[in-house]
Amino acid sequence: MPIDPQIEAMFAGQPEWPPIRGQSIDELRQAVRDSSTMLPPPPVTLASVADRSIAGPAGDVPVRIYTPQGSGPFPVTCYFHGGGFVLGDLDTQDMIARGLAAGAETIVISVHYRLAPEHKFPAAPEDCWAAVQWAAANAASINGDASRLAVAGDSAGGVLANGMAIQALEEGGPRLAAVINWYGPAIHPLPEGGSMAEFEHGPVLRADDVRYFHELYIESPEQDEDYRASSIKAKSHKGLPPHFIATAEIDPARDAAESYEPVLKDAGVEVEMKRYPGMIHGFVSWIGFLPGAQEAMADACTFLKRQFAVVNQPA
């Protein structure tokens, strides 16, 4: 399976991204931040982008609120960035939040949850849950419509989005219209073999990088049984909102993300899953110039708009 020619050209002549294990966390975070903030944003226009903080279980949680053009009230989507639960912030995936807000015509609340190893599981999902609850309670104050609420995330953020949908169902609300998951695994630790073996050496994300992130985030095997870490292990998936699952063809995490589709379908959940040929892990961040990333964003936005449109229709 050939890598996308544009991705291949992008990496041509560049030094290989080093294995994550053995690098200092601070240096790794800075390197990811530097490389991410150099990427061009999608050519979209928004009404406003504003930073603020909301109350979380262990202090304030930074968020960035993206408002699309138009009169509103708009649907609201809580977005959780990727980075293996160790990396990333409001800037590193700013381009994804912008694309989602403009493309789906939704307010996007991007959440900078606490990161490992300083804050291990379940700090990240606890912060994300606080953001979902805040969005449901305060949507009107940001020109949003609480009856049209969704969650989205890429990679680790996709794991968090999956978990938020299950938690909302188990706790009796808020009701979610949809889940957008770009290549977030449904099970931890990721099963060996399959795509983990096939793409052991990447490109970019290696199988051992995945293992190392897991070591930094999860403290005990019991935590892997929690649906907030492994959505596939929830007691029940019946009644979950529709899910959009996007995977990259050339990605060690591919099989662990795709494994969620049959589980959801068996529970009667609407699922749209698409594998993007030639793409690698993290590709949606290249929405500013990569057609494959633009396609994955457009597909997610189409799905999201369709789900928002049916929320208030009579049964």
Protein backbone atom coordinates (compact mmCIF):
# COMPACT_ATOMS: atom_id res chain seq x y z
CA MET A 1 0.00 0.00 0.00
CA PRO A 2 1.80 3.12 -1.20
CA ILE A 3 1.97 6.23 0.93
CA ASP A 4 0.22 9.27 -0.52
CA PRO A 5 2.63 10.96 -2.98
CA GLN A 6 2.11 14.39 -1.42
CA ILE A 7 2.96 13.06 2.05
CA GLU A 8 5.98 11.27 0.61
CA ALA A 9 7.16 14.47 -1.05
CA MET A 10 6.65 16.40 2.18
CA PHE A 11 9.02 14.09 4.04
CA ALA A 12 11.57 13.78 1.22
CA GLY A 13 14.93 15.10 2.32
CA GLN A 14 13.73 15.61 5.89
CA PRO A 15 15.41 13.85 8.82
CA GLU A 16 13.40 10.93 10.12
CA TRP A 17 11.22 11.74 13.12
CA PRO A 18 13.04 10.06 16.03
CA PRO A 19 11.43 7.42 18.27
CA ILE A 20 9.55 9.01 21.15
CA ARG A 21 10.87 6.76 23.90
CA GLY A 22 14.00 8.31 25.36
CA GLN A 23 13.19 11.91 24.45
CA SER A 24 12.43 14.32 27.26
CA ILE A 25 8.74 15.14 27.52
CA ASP A 26 9.36 18.89 27.50
CA GLU A 27 11.50 18.72 24.35
CA LEU A 28 9.01 16.43 22.66
CA ARG A 29 6.12 18.75 23.44
CA GLN A 30 8.04 21.72 22.11
CA ALA A 31 9.03 19.88 18.93
CA VAL A 32 5.42 18.87 18.26
CA ARG A 33 4.21 22.37 19.02
CA ASP A 34 6.81 23.94 16.71
CA SER A 35 6.06 21.60 13.82
CA SER A 36 2.28 21.88 14.27
CA THR A 37 2.08 25.66 14.49
CA MET A 38 4.09 25.97 11.27
CA LEU A 39 1.32 24.21 9.33
CA PRO A 40 -1.04 26.40 7.30
CA PRO A 41 -4.59 26.68 8.63
CA PRO A 42 -7.52 25.88 6.36
CA PRO A 43 -8.68 28.89 4.31
CA VAL A 44 -11.87 29.45 6.28
CA THR A 45 -13.45 32.52 7.85
CA LEU A 46 -14.97 32.40 11.31
CA ALA A 47 -16.98 34.99 13.22
CA SER A 48 -14.74 34.75 16.28
CA VAL A 49 -12.11 32.71 18.09
CA ALA A 50 -11.82 33.31 21.83
CA ASP A 51 -9.77 31.76 24.63
CA ARG A 52 -11.23 31.33 28.09
CA SER A 53 -11.27 28.81 30.92
CA ILE A 54 -14.00 26.75 32.54
CA ALA A 55 -14.17 25.07 35.92
CA GLY A 56 -12.76 21.56 36.01
CA PRO A 57 -12.41 18.90 38.69
CA ALA A 58 -8.83 19.96 39.52
CA GLY A 59 -8.87 23.64 38.62
CA ASP A 60 -9.54 25.70 35.52
CA VAL A 61 -9.51 23.98 32.12
CA PRO A 62 -8.36 26.14 29.18
CA VAL A 63 -10.70 26.11 26.20
CA ARG A 64 -10.86 27.91 22.88
CA ILE A 65 -14.27 28.70 21.41
CA TYR A 66 -14.65 28.92 17.62
CA THR A 67 -17.85 30.50 16.32
CA PRO A 68 -18.86 30.16 12.66
CA GLN A 69 -20.30 32.93 10.58
CA GLY A 70 -24.04 33.35 10.65
CA SER A 71 -26.77 34.29 13.09
CA GLY A 72 -27.12 31.17 15.22
CA PRO A 73 -27.95 29.72 17.62
CA PHE A 74 -25.46 27.13 16.41
CA PRO A 75 -24.91 23.49 17.26
CA VAL A 76 -22.06 22.95 19.72
CA THR A 77 -19.21 20.46 19.38
CA CYS A 78 -16.69 19.72 22.11
CA TYR A 79 -13.38 18.87 20.44
CA PHE A 80 -10.49 17.04 22.09
CA HIS A 81 -7.01 17.25 20.55
CA GLY A 82 -4.71 14.31 19.92
CA GLY A 83 -1.19 13.71 21.17
CA GLY A 84 -1.15 10.35 22.93
CA PHE A 85 -2.58 11.94 26.13
CA VAL A 86 0.94 13.39 26.56
CA LEU A 87 1.32 16.03 23.84
CA GLY A 88 -0.73 18.79 22.26
CA ASP A 89 -2.56 21.93 23.31
CA LEU A 90 -5.03 24.46 21.94
CA ASP A 91 -2.57 25.54 19.24
CA THR A 92 -1.29 22.21 17.93
CA GLN A 93 -4.64 21.21 16.42
CA ASP A 94 -6.07 24.67 15.96
CA MET A 95 -6.39 23.92 12.26
CA ILE A 96 -8.71 20.97 12.90
CA ALA A 97 -10.97 23.00 15.17
CA ARG A 98 -11.18 25.75 12.56
CA GLY A 99 -12.05 23.32 9.80
CA LEU A 100 -14.70 21.66 11.92
CA ALA A 101 -16.33 24.93 12.99
CA ALA A 102 -16.54 26.29 9.46
CA GLY A 103 -17.36 23.04 7.68
CA ALA A 104 -20.06 21.79 10.04
CA GLU A 105 -21.34 25.28 10.92
CA THR A 106 -20.96 24.48 14.60
CA ILE A 107 -19.48 26.26 17.57
CA VAL A 108 -16.39 24.27 18.52
CA ILE A 109 -15.16 24.20 22.10
CA SER A 110 -11.57 22.95 21.92
CA VAL A 111 -10.48 21.53 25.28
CA HIS A 112 -6.94 21.50 26.67
CA TYR A 113 -7.32 18.66 29.15
CA ARG A 114 -4.60 17.70 31.63
CA LEU A 115 -1.75 15.67 30.14
CA ALA A 116 0.26 12.64 31.26
CA PRO A 117 2.68 11.78 32.75
CA GLU A 118 2.05 14.64 35.19
CA HIS A 119 -1.66 13.83 35.20
CA LYS A 120 -2.41 10.19 34.48
CA PHE A 121 -5.73 8.53 33.71
CA PRO A 122 -8.49 9.51 34.44
CA ALA A 123 -7.46 13.20 34.52
CA ALA A 124 -7.98 13.72 30.77
CA PRO A 125 -11.51 12.27 30.55
CA GLU A 126 -12.50 14.03 33.78
CA ASP A 127 -11.57 17.39 32.25
CA CYS A 128 -13.35 16.52 29.01
CA TRP A 129 -16.47 15.51 30.89
CA ALA A 130 -16.43 18.86 32.68
CA ALA A 131 -16.29 20.55 29.28
CA VAL A 132 -19.24 18.53 27.94
CA GLN A 133 -21.29 19.41 31.00
CA TRP A 134 -20.31 23.06 30.72
CA ALA A 135 -21.29 23.13 27.05
CA ALA A 136 -24.70 21.65 27.80
CA ALA A 137 -25.35 24.11 30.64
CA ASN A 138 -23.92 27.24 29.00
CA ALA A 139 -24.60 26.82 25.28
CA ALA A 140 -27.03 29.73 25.15
CA SER A 141 -24.41 32.10 26.57
CA ILE A 142 -22.18 31.49 23.53
CA ASN A 143 -25.03 31.58 20.97
CA GLY A 144 -25.21 27.80 20.97
CA ASP A 145 -28.07 25.31 20.98
CA ALA A 146 -27.69 22.75 23.79
CA SER A 147 -30.13 20.38 22.08
CA ARG A 148 -27.59 19.92 19.28
CA LEU A 149 -24.42 18.87 21.09
CA ALA A 150 -21.69 16.61 19.73
CA VAL A 151 -18.17 15.45 20.60
CA ALA A 152 -15.17 15.06 18.31
CA GLY A 153 -11.50 14.24 18.54
CA ASP A 154 -8.44 13.02 16.70
CA SER A 155 -6.22 10.15 17.91
CA ALA A 156 -6.18 10.35 21.74
CA GLY A 157 -8.94 12.92 21.37
CA GLY A 158 -11.00 10.36 19.49
CA VAL A 159 -10.61 7.99 22.44
CA LEU A 160 -11.87 10.76 24.70
CA ALA A 161 -14.82 11.51 22.40
CA ASN A 162 -15.81 7.84 22.42
CA GLY A 163 -15.68 7.81 26.18
CA MET A 164 -17.71 10.98 26.57
CA ALA A 165 -20.54 9.49 24.52
CA ILE A 166 -20.68 6.42 26.76
CA GLN A 167 -20.48 8.52 29.93
CA ALA A 168 -23.30 10.79 28.75
CA LEU A 169 -25.45 7.74 28.10
CA GLU A 170 -24.63 6.10 31.44
CA GLU A 171 -25.23 9.29 33.42
CA GLY A 172 -28.50 10.13 31.70
CA GLY A 173 -27.27 13.10 29.68
CA PRO A 174 -26.51 15.41 28.17
CA ARG A 175 -27.89 13.93 25.01
CA LEU A 176 -25.33 13.89 22.21
CA ALA A 177 -26.17 14.08 18.53
CA ALA A 178 -22.98 12.50 17.17
CA VAL A 179 -19.40 11.38 17.74
CA ILE A 180 -16.57 12.22 15.33
CA ASN A 181 -13.48 10.06 15.79
CA TRP A 182 -10.46 10.51 13.57
CA TYR A 183 -8.23 7.42 14.12
CA GLY A 184 -8.75 7.09 17.88
CA PRO A 185 -8.25 3.49 19.12
CA ALA A 186 -11.19 1.77 20.80
CA ILE A 187 -9.04 -0.46 22.98
CA HIS A 188 -5.94 -0.11 25.17
CA PRO A 189 -3.32 -1.41 25.16
CA LEU A 190 -3.45 -1.76 21.39
CA PRO A 191 -3.48 -5.42 20.33
CA GLU A 192 -0.22 -6.63 18.84
CA GLY A 193 -0.18 -7.96 15.30
CA GLY A 194 -2.19 -6.61 12.39
CA SER A 195 -1.53 -2.94 11.69
CA MET A 196 0.65 -2.64 14.82
CA ALA A 197 3.05 -5.14 13.28
CA GLU A 198 2.64 -4.02 9.68
CA PHE A 199 3.50 -0.39 10.49
CA GLU A 200 5.81 -1.06 13.41
CA HIS A 201 8.26 1.50 12.05
CA GLY A 202 5.76 4.16 11.06
CA PRO A 203 6.06 6.45 9.21
CA VAL A 204 5.93 9.15 11.93
CA LEU A 205 4.04 7.09 14.54
CA ARG A 206 5.76 3.84 15.46
CA ALA A 207 4.26 0.90 17.30
CA ASP A 208 6.61 1.49 20.22
CA ASP A 209 5.54 5.14 20.36
CA VAL A 210 1.99 3.88 20.92
CA ARG A 211 3.18 1.56 23.69
CA TYR A 212 5.18 4.34 25.35
CA PHE A 213 2.28 6.79 25.36
CA HIS A 214 0.19 4.08 27.00
CA GLU A 215 2.84 3.53 29.68
CA LEU A 216 2.89 7.24 30.47
CA TYR A 217 -0.90 7.51 30.70
CA ILE A 218 -2.19 4.28 32.26
CA GLU A 219 -1.03 3.17 35.70
CA SER A 220 -2.68 -0.24 36.04
CA PRO A 221 -4.27 -2.95 33.84
CA GLU A 222 -7.58 -2.31 35.60
CA GLN A 223 -7.70 1.16 34.08
CA ASP A 224 -7.57 -0.35 30.59
CA GLU A 225 -10.92 -1.98 31.38
CA ASP A 226 -12.53 1.44 31.90
CA TYR A 227 -14.59 2.54 28.88
CA ARG A 228 -12.93 5.96 29.06
CA ALA A 229 -9.70 4.23 28.02
CA SER A 230 -11.18 1.35 26.01
CA SER A 231 -14.60 2.23 24.65
CA ILE A 232 -15.00 -1.25 23.25
CA LYS A 233 -15.18 -2.58 26.83
CA ALA A 234 -18.25 -0.62 27.92
CA LYS A 235 -20.97 -2.75 29.48
CA SER A 236 -23.35 -1.72 26.74
CA HIS A 237 -23.25 0.34 23.58
CA LYS A 238 -26.98 0.36 22.96
CA GLY A 239 -28.42 3.83 22.62
CA LEU A 240 -25.18 5.57 21.73
CA PRO A 241 -25.37 8.44 19.21
CA PRO A 242 -24.27 7.97 15.59
CA HIS A 243 -20.50 7.62 15.14
CA PHE A 244 -18.21 8.69 12.31
CA ILE A 245 -14.89 6.80 12.36
CA ALA A 246 -12.05 7.83 10.06
CA THR A 247 -8.86 5.79 9.84
CA ALA A 248 -5.55 6.12 8.04
CA GLU A 249 -4.50 3.20 5.87
CA ILE A 250 -0.84 3.36 6.95
CA ASP A 251 -1.15 3.58 10.73
CA PRO A 252 -0.25 1.17 13.55
CA ALA A 253 -3.43 2.29 15.36
CA ARG A 254 -5.68 1.57 12.37
CA ASP A 255 -7.04 -1.82 13.43
CA ALA A 256 -7.72 -0.70 17.01
CA ALA A 257 -9.82 2.19 15.70
CA GLU A 258 -11.68 0.12 13.12
CA SER A 259 -12.47 -2.62 15.66
CA TYR A 260 -15.16 -0.38 17.17
CA GLU A 261 -17.38 -0.40 14.10
CA PRO A 262 -18.76 -3.96 14.40
CA VAL A 263 -19.28 -3.55 18.16
CA LEU A 264 -21.36 -0.42 17.59
CA LYS A 265 -23.30 -1.94 14.72
CA ASP A 266 -24.11 -5.04 16.77
CA ALA A 267 -25.60 -2.69 19.37
CA GLY A 268 -27.77 -1.01 16.75
CA VAL A 269 -25.74 2.20 16.63
CA GLU A 270 -25.50 4.09 13.35
CA VAL A 271 -21.88 4.06 12.18
CA GLU A 272 -20.11 5.49 9.18
CA MET A 273 -16.52 4.33 8.90
CA LYS A 274 -14.03 5.22 6.18
CA ARG A 275 -10.39 4.27 5.68
CA TYR A 276 -8.39 6.90 3.79
CA PRO A 277 -5.89 5.34 1.36
CA GLY A 278 -2.26 6.41 1.53
CA MET A 279 -2.82 8.41 4.70
CA ILE A 280 -0.77 8.14 7.89
CA HIS A 281 -1.58 8.77 11.54
CA GLY A 282 -2.26 12.42 12.26
CA PHE A 283 -3.03 13.34 8.66
CA VAL A 284 -6.11 15.46 9.40
CA SER A 285 -3.77 18.10 10.87
CA TRP A 286 -2.61 18.75 7.30
CA ILE A 287 -6.02 20.04 6.28
CA GLY A 288 -4.42 23.28 5.06
CA PHE A 289 -2.81 21.59 2.04
CA LEU A 290 -3.46 17.82 1.88
CA PRO A 291 -6.46 16.66 -0.19
CA GLY A 292 -6.83 13.48 1.88
CA ALA A 293 -7.11 15.54 5.06
CA GLN A 294 -9.59 17.90 3.43
CA GLU A 295 -11.68 14.90 2.35
CA ALA A 296 -11.68 13.44 5.88
CA MET A 297 -12.76 16.79 7.31
CA ALA A 298 -15.47 17.27 4.69
CA ASP A 299 -16.82 13.77 5.30
CA ALA A 300 -16.94 14.36 9.06
CA CYS A 301 -18.65 17.73 8.62
CA THR A 302 -21.25 16.29 6.27
CA PHE A 303 -21.97 13.54 8.78
CA LEU A 304 -22.17 16.00 11.65
CA LYS A 305 -24.51 18.39 9.85
CA ARG A 306 -26.78 15.50 8.94
CA GLN A 307 -27.02 14.39 12.57
CA PHE A 308 -27.63 17.91 13.82
CA ALA A 309 -30.44 18.29 11.26
CA VAL A 310 -32.38 15.29 12.56
CA VAL A 311 -32.06 16.02 16.30
CA ASN A 312 -35.13 18.22 16.54
CA GLN A 313 -37.25 16.42 13.97
CA PRO A 314 -40.28 14.59 15.39
CA ALA A 315 -39.87 10.85 15.74
